[in-house]
PDB file of N, CA and C in Angstrom:
ATOM      1  N   MET A   1     127.960  33.220  68.958  1.00  0.00           N
ATOM      2  CA  MET A   1     127.981  34.325  68.022  1.00  0.00           C
ATOM      3  C   MET A   1     127.051  33.995  66.851  1.00  0.00           C
ATOM      4  N   ARG A   2     126.247  34.934  66.460  1.00  0.00           N
ATOM      5  CA  ARG A   2     125.325  34.788  65.341  1.00  0.00           C
ATOM      6  C   ARG A   2     125.704  35.824  64.284  1.00  0.00           C
ATOM      7  N   PRO A   3     126.690  35.533  63.427  1.00  0.00           N
ATOM      8  CA  PRO A   3     127.235  36.542  62.519  1.00  0.00           C
ATOM      9  C   PRO A   3     126.210  37.173  61.580  1.00  0.00           C
ATOM     10  N   LEU A   4     125.132  36.488  61.294  1.00  0.00           N
ATOM     11  CA  LEU A   4     124.123  37.062  60.410  1.00  0.00           C
ATOM     12  C   LEU A   4     122.946  37.630  61.186  1.00  0.00           C
ATOM     13  N   GLY A   5     123.012  37.592  62.495  1.00  0.00           N
ATOM     14  CA  GLY A   5     121.944  38.117  63.338  1.00  0.00           C
ATOM     15  C   GLY A   5     122.003  39.628  63.460  1.00  0.00           C
ATOM     16  N   PRO A   6     120.966  40.218  64.046  1.00  0.00           N
ATOM     17  CA  PRO A   6     120.916  41.666  64.234  1.00  0.00           C
ATOM     18  C   PRO A   6     122.117  42.171  65.025  1.00  0.00           C
ATOM     19  N   GLY A   7     122.733  43.229  64.530  1.00  0.00           N
ATOM     20  CA  GLY A   7     123.852  43.846  65.216  1.00  0.00           C
ATOM     21  C   GLY A   7     125.175  43.115  65.072  1.00  0.00           C
ATOM     22  N   GLU A   8     125.206  42.054  64.315  1.00  0.00           N
ATOM     23  CA  GLU A   8     126.450  41.284  64.153  1.00  0.00           C
ATOM     24  C   GLU A   8     127.180  41.717  62.876  1.00  0.00           C
ATOM     25  N   SER A   9     128.233  41.003  62.523  1.00  0.00           N
ATOM     26  CA  SER A   9     129.129  41.412  61.435  1.00  0.00           C
ATOM     27  C   SER A   9     128.499  41.336  60.047  1.00  0.00           C
ATOM     28  N   ARG A  10     127.492  40.483  59.867  1.00  0.00           N
ATOM     29  CA  ARG A  10     126.825  40.279  58.564  1.00  0.00           C
ATOM     30  C   ARG A  10     127.782  39.705  57.517  1.00  0.00           C
ATOM     31  N   ARG A  11     128.840  39.031  57.982  1.00  0.00           N
ATOM     32  CA  ARG A  11     129.802  38.415  57.071  1.00  0.00           C
ATOM     33  C   ARG A  11     129.593  36.910  57.036  1.00  0.00           C
ATOM     34  N   CYS A  12     129.757  36.319  55.840  1.00  0.00           N
ATOM     35  CA  CYS A  12     129.657  34.867  55.728  1.00  0.00           C
ATOM     36  C   CYS A  12     130.498  34.372  54.562  1.00  0.00           C
ATOM     37  N   ARG A  13     130.758  33.082  54.598  1.00  0.00           N
ATOM     38  CA  ARG A  13     131.405  32.406  53.470  1.00  0.00           C
ATOM     39  C   ARG A  13     130.343  31.589  52.762  1.00  0.00           C
ATOM     40  N   LEU A  14     130.426  31.508  51.443  1.00  0.00           N
ATOM     41  CA  LEU A  14     129.441  30.757  50.679  1.00  0.00           C
ATOM     42  C   LEU A  14     129.763  29.273  50.605  1.00  0.00           C
ATOM     43  N   ALA A  15     131.001  28.915  50.843  1.00  0.00           N
ATOM     44  CA  ALA A  15     131.402  27.504  50.820  1.00  0.00           C
ATOM     45  C   ALA A  15     132.641  27.329  51.676  1.00  0.00           C
ATOM     46  N   LEU A  16     132.744  26.157  52.291  1.00  0.00           N
ATOM     47  CA  LEU A  16     133.916  25.827  53.097  1.00  0.00           C
ATOM     48  C   LEU A  16     134.714  24.663  52.509  1.00  0.00           C
ATOM     49  N   TRP A  17     133.989  23.697  51.916  1.00  0.00           N
ATOM     50  CA  TRP A  17     134.636  22.461  51.477  1.00  0.00           C
ATOM     51  C   TRP A  17     134.177  22.073  50.090  1.00  0.00           C
ATOM     52  N   ASP A  18     135.108  21.706  49.235  1.00  0.00           N
ATOM     53  CA  ASP A  18     134.841  21.199  47.895  1.00  0.00           C
ATOM     54  C   ASP A  18     134.867  19.682  47.996  1.00  0.00           C
ATOM     55  N   SER A  19     133.687  19.062  48.095  1.00  0.00           N
ATOM     56  CA  SER A  19     133.647  17.610  48.300  1.00  0.00           C
ATOM     57  C   SER A  19     134.087  16.844  47.053  1.00  0.00           C
ATOM     58  N   PHE A  20     133.929  17.419  45.873  1.00  0.00           N
ATOM     59  CA  PHE A  20     134.351  16.728  44.652  1.00  0.00           C
ATOM     60  C   PHE A  20     135.869  16.548  44.645  1.00  0.00           C
ATOM     61  N   HIS A  21     136.604  17.587  45.034  1.00  0.00           N
ATOM     62  CA  HIS A  21     138.068  17.526  45.067  1.00  0.00           C
ATOM     63  C   HIS A  21     138.612  17.211  46.460  1.00  0.00           C
ATOM     64  N   ASP A  22     137.708  17.078  47.438  1.00  0.00           N
ATOM     65  CA  ASP A  22     138.056  16.755  48.819  1.00  0.00           C
ATOM     66  C   ASP A  22     139.120  17.703  49.372  1.00  0.00           C
ATOM     67  N   LYS A  23     138.794  19.004  49.261  1.00  0.00           N
ATOM     68  CA  LYS A  23     139.719  19.999  49.794  1.00  0.00           C
ATOM     69  C   LYS A  23     138.963  21.264  50.190  1.00  0.00           C
ATOM     70  N   GLU A  24     139.606  22.056  51.025  1.00  0.00           N
ATOM     71  CA  GLU A  24     139.002  23.295  51.497  1.00  0.00           C
ATOM     72  C   GLU A  24     138.880  24.298  50.352  1.00  0.00           C
ATOM     73  N   VAL A  25     137.803  25.058  50.356  1.00  0.00           N
ATOM     74  CA  VAL A  25     137.598  26.131  49.395  1.00  0.00           C
ATOM     75  C   VAL A  25     138.372  27.350  49.896  1.00  0.00           C
ATOM     76  N   PRO A  26     139.082  28.053  49.019  1.00  0.00           N
ATOM     77  CA  PRO A  26     139.802  29.247  49.479  1.00  0.00           C
ATOM     78  C   PRO A  26     138.858  30.208  50.211  1.00  0.00           C
ATOM     79  N   GLU A  27     139.356  30.775  51.291  1.00  0.00           N
ATOM     80  CA  GLU A  27     138.545  31.654  52.131  1.00  0.00           C
ATOM     81  C   GLU A  27     138.164  32.918  51.372  1.00  0.00           C
ATOM     82  N   GLN A  28     136.868  33.153  51.274  1.00  0.00           N
ATOM     83  CA  GLN A  28     136.352  34.358  50.621  1.00  0.00           C
ATOM     84  C   GLN A  28     135.095  34.788  51.374  1.00  0.00           C
ATOM     85  N   TRP A  29     135.122  35.978  51.932  1.00  0.00           N
ATOM     86  CA  TRP A  29     134.035  36.474  52.757  1.00  0.00           C
ATOM     87  C   TRP A  29     133.133  37.401  51.963  1.00  0.00           C
ATOM     88  N   HIS A  30     131.831  37.366  52.288  1.00  0.00           N
ATOM     89  CA  HIS A  30     130.830  38.215  51.641  1.00  0.00           C
ATOM     90  C   HIS A  30     130.043  38.952  52.713  1.00  0.00           C
ATOM     91  N   HIS A  31     129.608  40.144  52.387  1.00  0.00           N
ATOM     92  CA  HIS A  31     128.760  40.904  53.303  1.00  0.00           C
ATOM     93  C   HIS A  31     127.305  40.628  52.933  1.00  0.00           C
ATOM     94  N   VAL A  32     126.498  40.357  53.941  1.00  0.00           N
ATOM     95  CA  VAL A  32     125.081  40.050  53.744  1.00  0.00           C
ATOM     96  C   VAL A  32     124.257  41.215  54.272  1.00  0.00           C
ATOM     97  N   GLY A  33     123.324  41.697  53.472  1.00  0.00           N
ATOM     98  CA  GLY A  33     122.467  42.792  53.893  1.00  0.00           C
ATOM     99  C   GLY A  33     121.506  42.377  54.993  1.00  0.00           C
ATOM    100  N   ASP A  34     120.990  43.342  55.724  1.00  0.00           N
ATOM    101  CA  ASP A  34     120.115  43.016  56.856  1.00  0.00           C
ATOM    102  C   ASP A  34     118.734  42.520  56.436  1.00  0.00           C
ATOM    103  N   ARG A  35     118.425  42.594  55.166  1.00  0.00           N
ATOM    104  CA  ARG A  35     117.150  42.064  54.672  1.00  0.00           C
ATOM    105  C   ARG A  35     117.325  40.779  53.870  1.00  0.00           C
ATOM    106  N   ASP A  36     118.550  40.312  53.750  1.00  0.00           N
ATOM    107  CA  ASP A  36     118.839  39.093  53.003  1.00  0.00           C
ATOM    108  C   ASP A  36     118.471  37.859  53.819  1.00  0.00           C
ATOM    109  N   ILE A  37     118.266  36.761  53.129  1.00  0.00           N
ATOM    110  CA  ILE A  37     117.963  35.480  53.757  1.00  0.00           C
ATOM    111  C   ILE A  37     119.074  34.510  53.381  1.00  0.00           C
ATOM    112  N   ALA A  38     119.641  33.857  54.371  1.00  0.00           N
ATOM    113  CA  ALA A  38     120.664  32.843  54.127  1.00  0.00           C
ATOM    114  C   ALA A  38     120.000  31.473  54.160  1.00  0.00           C
ATOM    115  N   ILE A  39     120.234  30.688  53.120  1.00  0.00           N
ATOM    116  CA  ILE A  39     119.740  29.314  53.070  1.00  0.00           C
ATOM    117  C   ILE A  39     120.960  28.412  53.194  1.00  0.00           C
ATOM    118  N   ILE A  40     120.992  27.620  54.253  1.00  0.00           N
ATOM    119  CA  ILE A  40     122.131  26.754  54.554  1.00  0.00           C
ATOM    120  C   ILE A  40     121.742  25.327  54.226  1.00  0.00           C
ATOM    121  N   ASP A  41     122.509  24.689  53.355  1.00  0.00           N
ATOM    122  CA  ASP A  41     122.257  23.314  52.958  1.00  0.00           C
ATOM    123  C   ASP A  41     123.398  22.456  53.474  1.00  0.00           C
ATOM    124  N   GLY A  42     123.057  21.395  54.175  1.00  0.00           N
ATOM    125  CA  GLY A  42     124.103  20.520  54.661  1.00  0.00           C
ATOM    126  C   GLY A  42     123.537  19.416  55.527  1.00  0.00           C
ATOM    127  N   ILE A  43     124.396  18.486  55.853  1.00  0.00           N
ATOM    128  CA  ILE A  43     123.989  17.377  56.711  1.00  0.00           C
ATOM    129  C   ILE A  43     124.439  17.631  58.138  1.00  0.00           C
ATOM    130  N   PHE A  44     123.761  17.025  59.067  1.00  0.00           N
ATOM    131  CA  PHE A  44     124.105  17.067  60.487  1.00  0.00           C
ATOM    132  C   PHE A  44     124.058  18.479  61.067  1.00  0.00           C
ATOM    133  N   LEU A  45     123.204  19.337  60.557  1.00  0.00           N
ATOM    134  CA  LEU A  45     123.143  20.731  61.006  1.00  0.00           C
ATOM    135  C   LEU A  45     122.279  20.940  62.249  1.00  0.00           C
ATOM    136  N   LEU A  46     121.648  19.882  62.753  1.00  0.00           N
ATOM    137  CA  LEU A  46     120.834  20.029  63.955  1.00  0.00           C
ATOM    138  C   LEU A  46     121.494  19.420  65.190  1.00  0.00           C
ATOM    139  N   HIS A  47     122.796  19.189  65.121  1.00  0.00           N
ATOM    140  CA  HIS A  47     123.521  18.830  66.342  1.00  0.00           C
ATOM    141  C   HIS A  47     123.373  19.970  67.328  1.00  0.00           C
ATOM    142  N   SER A  48     123.481  19.669  68.610  1.00  0.00           N
ATOM    143  CA  SER A  48     123.231  20.668  69.649  1.00  0.00           C
ATOM    144  C   SER A  48     124.091  21.917  69.486  1.00  0.00           C
ATOM    145  N   GLU A  49     125.299  21.787  68.956  1.00  0.00           N
ATOM    146  CA  GLU A  49     126.191  22.936  68.798  1.00  0.00           C
ATOM    147  C   GLU A  49     125.688  23.917  67.741  1.00  0.00           C
ATOM    148  N   LEU A  50     124.887  23.442  66.804  1.00  0.00           N
ATOM    149  CA  LEU A  50     124.447  24.281  65.691  1.00  0.00           C
ATOM    150  C   LEU A  50     122.948  24.567  65.679  1.00  0.00           C
ATOM    151  N   ALA A  51     122.165  23.719  66.300  1.00  0.00           N
ATOM    152  CA  ALA A  51     120.703  23.774  66.173  1.00  0.00           C
ATOM    153  C   ALA A  51     120.107  25.138  66.507  1.00  0.00           C
ATOM    154  N   GLY A  52     120.680  25.846  67.435  1.00  0.00           N
ATOM    155  CA  GLY A  52     120.138  27.137  67.839  1.00  0.00           C
ATOM    156  C   GLY A  52     120.331  28.262  66.835  1.00  0.00           C
ATOM    157  N   TYR A  53     121.107  28.016  65.801  1.00  0.00           N
ATOM    158  CA  TYR A  53     121.378  29.062  64.809  1.00  0.00           C
ATOM    159  C   TYR A  53     120.327  29.160  63.702  1.00  0.00           C
ATOM    160  N   TRP A  54     119.441  28.189  63.609  1.00  0.00           N
ATOM    161  CA  TRP A  54     118.521  28.137  62.475  1.00  0.00           C
ATOM    162  C   TRP A  54     117.144  28.645  62.875  1.00  0.00           C
ATOM    163  N   ASP A  55     116.629  29.572  62.094  1.00  0.00           N
ATOM    164  CA  ASP A  55     115.296  30.112  62.338  1.00  0.00           C
ATOM    165  C   ASP A  55     114.205  29.203  61.786  1.00  0.00           C
ATOM    166  N   TYR A  56     114.527  28.491  60.706  1.00  0.00           N
ATOM    167  CA  TYR A  56     113.535  27.639  60.066  1.00  0.00           C
ATOM    168  C   TYR A  56     114.265  26.446  59.458  1.00  0.00           C
ATOM    169  N   VAL A  57     113.761  25.239  59.705  1.00  0.00           N
ATOM    170  CA  VAL A  57     114.419  24.019  59.237  1.00  0.00           C
ATOM    171  C   VAL A  57     113.482  23.257  58.314  1.00  0.00           C
ATOM    172  N   ILE A  58     114.006  22.871  57.158  1.00  0.00           N
ATOM    173  CA  ILE A  58     113.274  22.040  56.198  1.00  0.00           C
ATOM    174  C   ILE A  58     114.015  20.707  56.112  1.00  0.00           C
ATOM    175  N   TRP A  59     113.297  19.616  56.375  1.00  0.00           N
ATOM    176  CA  TRP A  59     113.879  18.273  56.315  1.00  0.00           C
ATOM    177  C   TRP A  59     113.464  17.619  55.006  1.00  0.00           C
ATOM    178  N   LEU A  60     114.443  17.245  54.179  1.00  0.00           N
ATOM    179  CA  LEU A  60     114.187  16.518  52.934  1.00  0.00           C
ATOM    180  C   LEU A  60     114.442  15.050  53.221  1.00  0.00           C
ATOM    181  N   ASP A  61     113.403  14.239  53.164  1.00  0.00           N
ATOM    182  CA  ASP A  61     113.487  12.846  53.576  1.00  0.00           C
ATOM    183  C   ASP A  61     113.544  11.909  52.380  1.00  0.00           C
ATOM    184  N   ILE A  62     114.499  10.961  52.433  1.00  0.00           N
ATOM    185  CA  ILE A  62     114.576   9.879  51.459  1.00  0.00           C
ATOM    186  C   ILE A  62     114.911   8.604  52.212  1.00  0.00           C
ATOM    187  N   ASP A  63     114.631   7.451  51.608  1.00  0.00           N
ATOM    188  CA  ASP A  63     115.000   6.196  52.258  1.00  0.00           C
ATOM    189  C   ASP A  63     116.448   5.845  51.899  1.00  0.00           C
ATOM    190  N   ASN A  64     116.976   4.849  52.569  1.00  0.00           N
ATOM    191  CA  ASN A  64     118.380   4.487  52.387  1.00  0.00           C
ATOM    192  C   ASN A  64     118.707   4.027  50.973  1.00  0.00           C
ATOM    193  N   GLU A  65     117.811   3.284  50.355  1.00  0.00           N
ATOM    194  CA  GLU A  65     118.084   2.803  48.991  1.00  0.00           C
ATOM    195  C   GLU A  65     118.124   3.957  47.998  1.00  0.00           C
ATOM    196  N   THR A  66     117.265   4.947  48.187  1.00  0.00           N
ATOM    197  CA  THR A  66     117.296   6.134  47.332  1.00  0.00           C
ATOM    198  C   THR A  66     118.595   6.900  47.557  1.00  0.00           C
ATOM    199  N   MET A  67     119.052   6.964  48.809  1.00  0.00           N
ATOM    200  CA  MET A  67     120.321   7.627  49.115  1.00  0.00           C
ATOM    201  C   MET A  67     121.467   6.964  48.353  1.00  0.00           C
ATOM    202  N   VAL A  68     121.506   5.634  48.377  1.00  0.00           N
ATOM    203  CA  VAL A  68     122.572   4.907  47.683  1.00  0.00           C
ATOM    204  C   VAL A  68     122.449   5.108  46.175  1.00  0.00           C
ATOM    205  N   LYS A  69     121.248   5.005  45.646  1.00  0.00           N
ATOM    206  CA  LYS A  69     121.035   5.175  44.201  1.00  0.00           C
ATOM    207  C   LYS A  69     121.512   6.546  43.732  1.00  0.00           C
ATOM    208  N   ARG A  70     121.171   7.586  44.461  1.00  0.00           N
ATOM    209  CA  ARG A  70     121.597   8.942  44.083  1.00  0.00           C
ATOM    210  C   ARG A  70     123.105   9.105  44.223  1.00  0.00           C
ATOM    211  N   ALA A  71     123.678   8.495  45.260  1.00  0.00           N
ATOM    212  CA  ALA A  71     125.129   8.556  45.437  1.00  0.00           C
ATOM    213  C   ALA A  71     125.848   7.883  44.270  1.00  0.00           C
ATOM    214  N   LEU A  72     125.311   6.766  43.812  1.00  0.00           N
ATOM    215  CA  LEU A  72     125.917   6.070  42.677  1.00  0.00           C
ATOM    216  C   LEU A  72     125.889   6.932  41.420  1.00  0.00           C
ATOM    217  N   GLN A  73     124.837   7.687  41.234  1.00  0.00           N
ATOM    218  CA  GLN A  73     124.740   8.574  40.065  1.00  0.00           C
ATOM    219  C   GLN A  73     125.665   9.782  40.190  1.00  0.00           C
ATOM    220  N   ARG A  74     125.931  10.211  41.403  1.00  0.00           N
ATOM    221  CA  ARG A  74     126.628  11.474  41.646  1.00  0.00           C
ATOM    222  C   ARG A  74     128.103  11.297  42.006  1.00  0.00           C
ATOM    223  N   ASP A  75     128.450  10.274  42.773  1.00  0.00           N
ATOM    224  CA  ASP A  75     129.754  10.227  43.436  1.00  0.00           C
ATOM    225  C   ASP A  75     130.825   9.368  42.766  1.00  0.00           C
ATOM    226  N   VAL A  76     130.450   8.538  41.806  1.00  0.00           N
ATOM    227  CA  VAL A  76     131.433   7.636  41.194  1.00  0.00           C
ATOM    228  C   VAL A  76     132.596   8.420  40.585  1.00  0.00           C
ATOM    229  N   ALA A  77     132.315   9.567  39.977  1.00  0.00           N
ATOM    230  CA  ALA A  77     133.364  10.352  39.310  1.00  0.00           C
ATOM    231  C   ALA A  77     134.486  10.745  40.258  1.00  0.00           C
ATOM    232  N   TRP A  78     134.168  11.011  41.506  1.00  0.00           N
ATOM    233  CA  TRP A  78     135.223  11.437  42.429  1.00  0.00           C
ATOM    234  C   TRP A  78     135.642  10.362  43.421  1.00  0.00           C
ATOM    235  N   VAL A  79     134.806   9.333  43.622  1.00  0.00           N
ATOM    236  CA  VAL A  79     135.192   8.257  44.546  1.00  0.00           C
ATOM    237  C   VAL A  79     135.972   7.183  43.801  1.00  0.00           C
ATOM    238  N   GLY A  80     135.591   6.899  42.563  1.00  0.00           N
ATOM    239  CA  GLY A  80     136.372   5.972  41.756  1.00  0.00           C
ATOM    240  C   GLY A  80     135.633   4.789  41.178  1.00  0.00           C
ATOM    241  N   SER A  81     134.669   4.214  41.927  1.00  0.00           N
ATOM    242  CA  SER A  81     133.939   3.061  41.393  1.00  0.00           C
ATOM    243  C   SER A  81     132.582   2.957  42.072  1.00  0.00           C
ATOM    244  N   THR A  82     131.657   2.240  41.408  1.00  0.00           N
ATOM    245  CA  THR A  82     130.345   2.042  42.009  1.00  0.00           C
ATOM    246  C   THR A  82     130.468   1.222  43.287  1.00  0.00           C
ATOM    247  N   GLN A  83     131.371   0.243  43.292  1.00  0.00           N
ATOM    248  CA  GLN A  83     131.562  -0.575  44.487  1.00  0.00           C
ATOM    249  C   GLN A  83     132.045   0.266  45.665  1.00  0.00           C
ATOM    250  N   ALA A  84     132.973   1.162  45.422  1.00  0.00           N
ATOM    251  CA  ALA A  84     133.494   2.017  46.496  1.00  0.00           C
ATOM    252  C   ALA A  84     132.416   2.957  47.025  1.00  0.00           C
ATOM    253  N   VAL A  85     131.608   3.497  46.129  1.00  0.00           N
ATOM    254  CA  VAL A  85     130.527   4.389  46.561  1.00  0.00           C
ATOM    255  C   VAL A  85     129.515   3.627  47.399  1.00  0.00           C
ATOM    256  N   GLU A  86     129.070   2.482  46.896  1.00  0.00           N
ATOM    257  CA  GLU A  86     128.068   1.714  47.635  1.00  0.00           C
ATOM    258  C   GLU A  86     128.601   1.276  48.991  1.00  0.00           C
ATOM    259  N   GLU A  87     129.829   0.822  49.049  1.00  0.00           N
ATOM    260  CA  GLU A  87     130.421   0.407  50.324  1.00  0.00           C
ATOM    261  C   GLU A  87     130.516   1.586  51.293  1.00  0.00           C
ATOM    262  N   ARG A  88     130.923   2.719  50.792  1.00  0.00           N
ATOM    263  CA  ARG A  88     131.043   3.926  51.619  1.00  0.00           C
ATOM    264  C   ARG A  88     129.703   4.306  52.245  1.00  0.00           C
ATOM    265  N   TYR A  89     128.635   4.225  51.454  1.00  0.00           N
ATOM    266  CA  TYR A  89     127.312   4.583  51.968  1.00  0.00           C
ATOM    267  C   TYR A  89     126.768   3.525  52.915  1.00  0.00           C
ATOM    268  N   ARG A  90     126.903   2.287  52.589  1.00  0.00           N
ATOM    269  CA  ARG A  90     126.338   1.235  53.444  1.00  0.00           C
ATOM    270  C   ARG A  90     127.119   1.061  54.749  1.00  0.00           C
ATOM    271  N   ARG A  91     128.409   1.286  54.718  1.00  0.00           N
ATOM    272  CA  ARG A  91     129.226   1.098  55.929  1.00  0.00           C
ATOM    273  C   ARG A  91     129.363   2.359  56.768  1.00  0.00           C
ATOM    274  N   PHE A  92     129.315   3.529  56.136  1.00  0.00           N
ATOM    275  CA  PHE A  92     129.523   4.751  56.908  1.00  0.00           C
ATOM    276  C   PHE A  92     128.321   5.686  56.896  1.00  0.00           C
ATOM    277  N   TRP A  93     127.907   6.169  55.717  1.00  0.00           N
ATOM    278  CA  TRP A  93     126.908   7.233  55.664  1.00  0.00           C
ATOM    279  C   TRP A  93     125.537   6.817  56.180  1.00  0.00           C
ATOM    280  N   ILE A  94     125.051   5.658  55.818  1.00  0.00           N
ATOM    281  CA  ILE A  94     123.738   5.238  56.306  1.00  0.00           C
ATOM    282  C   ILE A  94     123.748   5.069  57.829  1.00  0.00           C
ATOM    283  N   PRO A  95     124.713   4.325  58.409  1.00  0.00           N
ATOM    284  CA  PRO A  95     124.739   4.251  59.878  1.00  0.00           C
ATOM    285  C   PRO A  95     124.928   5.621  60.537  1.00  0.00           C
ATOM    286  N   ALA A  96     125.733   6.496  59.940  1.00  0.00           N
ATOM    287  CA  ALA A  96     125.939   7.837  60.507  1.00  0.00           C
ATOM    288  C   ALA A  96     124.640   8.630  60.506  1.00  0.00           C
ATOM    289  N   HIS A  97     123.896   8.573  59.404  1.00  0.00           N
ATOM    290  CA  HIS A  97     122.608   9.275  59.335  1.00  0.00           C
ATOM    291  C   HIS A  97     121.615   8.702  60.348  1.00  0.00           C
ATOM    292  N   GLU A  98     121.552   7.387  60.449  1.00  0.00           N
ATOM    293  CA  GLU A  98     120.621   6.765  61.395  1.00  0.00           C
ATOM    294  C   GLU A  98     120.953   7.164  62.827  1.00  0.00           C
ATOM    295  N   ARG A  99     122.228   7.154  63.170  1.00  0.00           N
ATOM    296  CA  ARG A  99     122.648   7.540  64.525  1.00  0.00           C
ATOM    297  C   ARG A  99     122.343   9.014  64.790  1.00  0.00           C
ATOM    298  N   TYR A 100     122.621   9.859  63.820  1.00  0.00           N
ATOM    299  CA  TYR A 100     122.343  11.293  63.931  1.00  0.00           C
ATOM    300  C   TYR A 100     120.855  11.530  64.198  1.00  0.00           C
ATOM    301  N   GLU A 101     119.995  10.866  63.439  1.00  0.00           N
ATOM    302  CA  GLU A 101     118.557  11.044  63.627  1.00  0.00           C
ATOM    303  C   GLU A 101     118.109  10.551  65.001  1.00  0.00           C
ATOM    304  N   GLN A 102     118.706   9.462  65.484  1.00  0.00           N
ATOM    305  CA  GLN A 102     118.383   8.962  66.824  1.00  0.00           C
ATOM    306  C   GLN A 102     118.810   9.956  67.902  1.00  0.00           C
ATOM    307  N   LEU A 103     119.997  10.502  67.773  1.00  0.00           N
ATOM    308  CA  LEU A 103     120.541  11.408  68.794  1.00  0.00           C
ATOM    309  C   LEU A 103     119.869  12.777  68.808  1.00  0.00           C
ATOM    310  N   THR A 104     119.543  13.296  67.645  1.00  0.00           N
ATOM    311  CA  THR A 104     119.044  14.671  67.558  1.00  0.00           C
ATOM    312  C   THR A 104     117.537  14.770  67.377  1.00  0.00           C
ATOM    313  N   LEU A 105     116.902  13.683  66.967  1.00  0.00           N
ATOM    314  CA  LEU A 105     115.484  13.706  66.602  1.00  0.00           C
ATOM    315  C   LEU A 105     115.222  14.762  65.538  1.00  0.00           C
ATOM    316  N   ALA A 106     116.208  14.985  64.688  1.00  0.00           N
ATOM    317  CA  ALA A 106     116.167  16.053  63.696  1.00  0.00           C
ATOM    318  C   ALA A 106     114.903  16.056  62.827  1.00  0.00           C
ATOM    319  N   PRO A 107     114.468  14.929  62.282  1.00  0.00           N
ATOM    320  CA  PRO A 107     113.274  15.003  61.427  1.00  0.00           C
ATOM    321  C   PRO A 107     112.053  15.569  62.150  1.00  0.00           C
ATOM    322  N   SER A 108     111.888  15.221  63.422  1.00  0.00           N
ATOM    323  CA  SER A 108     110.714  15.703  64.158  1.00  0.00           C
ATOM    324  C   SER A 108     110.857  17.164  64.571  1.00  0.00           C
ATOM    325  N   ARG A 109     112.061  17.708  64.535  1.00  0.00           N
ATOM    326  CA  ARG A 109     112.293  19.092  64.922  1.00  0.00           C
ATOM    327  C   ARG A 109     112.181  20.060  63.752  1.00  0.00           C
ATOM    328  N   ALA A 110     112.050  19.537  62.555  1.00  0.00           N
ATOM    329  CA  ALA A 110     111.957  20.394  61.373  1.00  0.00           C
ATOM    330  C   ALA A 110     110.607  21.093  61.319  1.00  0.00           C
ATOM    331  N   HIS A 111     110.613  22.298  60.806  1.00  0.00           N
ATOM    332  CA  HIS A 111     109.375  23.057  60.627  1.00  0.00           C
ATOM    333  C   HIS A 111     108.582  22.533  59.423  1.00  0.00           C
ATOM    334  N   ALA A 112     109.311  22.081  58.411  1.00  0.00           N
ATOM    335  CA  ALA A 112     108.682  21.488  57.235  1.00  0.00           C
ATOM    336  C   ALA A 112     109.352  20.145  56.966  1.00  0.00           C
ATOM    337  N   PHE A 113     108.533  19.140  56.684  1.00  0.00           N
ATOM    338  CA  PHE A 113     109.028  17.786  56.419  1.00  0.00           C
ATOM    339  C   PHE A 113     108.578  17.428  55.016  1.00  0.00           C
ATOM    340  N   ILE A 114     109.549  17.172  54.144  1.00  0.00           N
ATOM    341  CA  ILE A 114     109.245  16.924  52.732  1.00  0.00           C
ATOM    342  C   ILE A 114     109.723  15.534  52.341  1.00  0.00           C
ATOM    343  N   ASP A 115     108.823  14.753  51.744  1.00  0.00           N
ATOM    344  CA  ASP A 115     109.182  13.470  51.163  1.00  0.00           C
ATOM    345  C   ASP A 115     109.869  13.791  49.837  1.00  0.00           C
ATOM    346  N   ASN A 116     111.150  13.483  49.746  1.00  0.00           N
ATOM    347  CA  ASN A 116     111.931  13.827  48.562  1.00  0.00           C
ATOM    348  C   ASN A 116     112.351  12.586  47.776  1.00  0.00           C
ATOM    349  N   GLN A 117     111.575  11.488  47.921  1.00  0.00           N
ATOM    350  CA  GLN A 117     111.861  10.269  47.161  1.00  0.00           C
ATOM    351  C   GLN A 117     111.852  10.551  45.667  1.00  0.00           C
ATOM    352  N   GLY A 118     110.806  11.218  45.220  1.00  0.00           N
ATOM    353  CA  GLY A 118     110.717  11.609  43.818  1.00  0.00           C
ATOM    354  C   GLY A 118     111.354  12.974  43.672  1.00  0.00           C
ATOM    355  N   PHE A 119     112.601  13.004  43.239  1.00  0.00           N
ATOM    356  CA  PHE A 119     113.387  14.232  43.220  1.00  0.00           C
ATOM    357  C   PHE A 119     112.674  15.373  42.494  1.00  0.00           C
ATOM    358  N   THR A 120     111.971  15.070  41.437  1.00  0.00           N
ATOM    359  CA  THR A 120     111.282  16.126  40.677  1.00  0.00           C
ATOM    360  C   THR A 120     109.855  16.361  41.172  1.00  0.00           C
ATOM    361  N   GLU A 121     109.401  15.553  42.141  1.00  0.00           N
ATOM    362  CA  GLU A 121     108.047  15.703  42.673  1.00  0.00           C
ATOM    363  C   GLU A 121     108.051  15.594  44.198  1.00  0.00           C
ATOM    364  N   PRO A 122     108.683  16.545  44.884  1.00  0.00           N
ATOM    365  CA  PRO A 122     108.684  16.487  46.346  1.00  0.00           C
ATOM    366  C   PRO A 122     107.276  16.672  46.895  1.00  0.00           C
ATOM    367  N   LYS A 123     107.019  16.055  48.067  1.00  0.00           N
ATOM    368  CA  LYS A 123     105.690  16.132  48.687  1.00  0.00           C
ATOM    369  C   LYS A 123     105.818  16.686  50.097  1.00  0.00           C
ATOM    370  N   LEU A 124     105.124  17.771  50.378  1.00  0.00           N
ATOM    371  CA  LEU A 124     105.106  18.344  51.710  1.00  0.00           C
ATOM    372  C   LEU A 124     104.227  17.463  52.583  1.00  0.00           C
ATOM    373  N   LEU A 125     104.814  16.886  53.636  1.00  0.00           N
ATOM    374  CA  LEU A 125     104.069  15.995  54.521  1.00  0.00           C
ATOM    375  C   LEU A 125     103.691  16.665  55.833  1.00  0.00           C
ATOM    376  N   ARG A 126     104.493  17.641  56.264  1.00  0.00           N
ATOM    377  CA  ARG A 126     104.195  18.319  57.525  1.00  0.00           C
ATOM    378  C   ARG A 126     104.726  19.750  57.462  1.00  0.00           C
ATOM    379  N   LEU A 127     103.923  20.646  58.003  1.00  0.00           N
ATOM    380  CA  LEU A 127     104.315  22.048  58.073  1.00  0.00           C
ATOM    381  C   LEU A 127     103.885  22.576  59.430  1.00  0.00           C
ATOM    382  N   SER A 128     104.834  23.126  60.168  1.00  0.00           N
ATOM    383  CA  SER A 128     104.497  23.701  61.478  1.00  0.00           C
ATOM    384  C   SER A 128     105.064  25.117  61.560  1.00  0.00           C
ATOM    385  N   LYS A 129     104.617  25.850  62.542  1.00  0.00           N
ATOM    386  CA  LYS A 129     105.052  27.229  62.683  1.00  0.00           C
ATOM    387  C   LYS A 129     106.337  27.322  63.454  1.00  0.00           C
TER     388      LYS A 129
END
């Protein structure tokens, strides 16, 4: 089912999960016009179950150390400590991302590949049709 596709319900939710509070967002549906564009931001969206739903994919690439550095700036407030954040990323998130990229070849399947090391100065490295 492609709810935002032609002839479909045109209904969507803007959020499912509140990661800061680690809980589901109350269900609230919105109607999307047939000329609207939905931009979906998330991780692991190119798994085989979901990959066919995206018309255009933009890959924002960073290295593992940048991932940890940004997590330390962002996640300590809800995880509890810098040690817990760093351990969580090094033991779970980094291996999960590496495995995901191996299984899906997601970076090579993106229409646009952006080096996002410099958060305020992203660099377009590849653009395909």
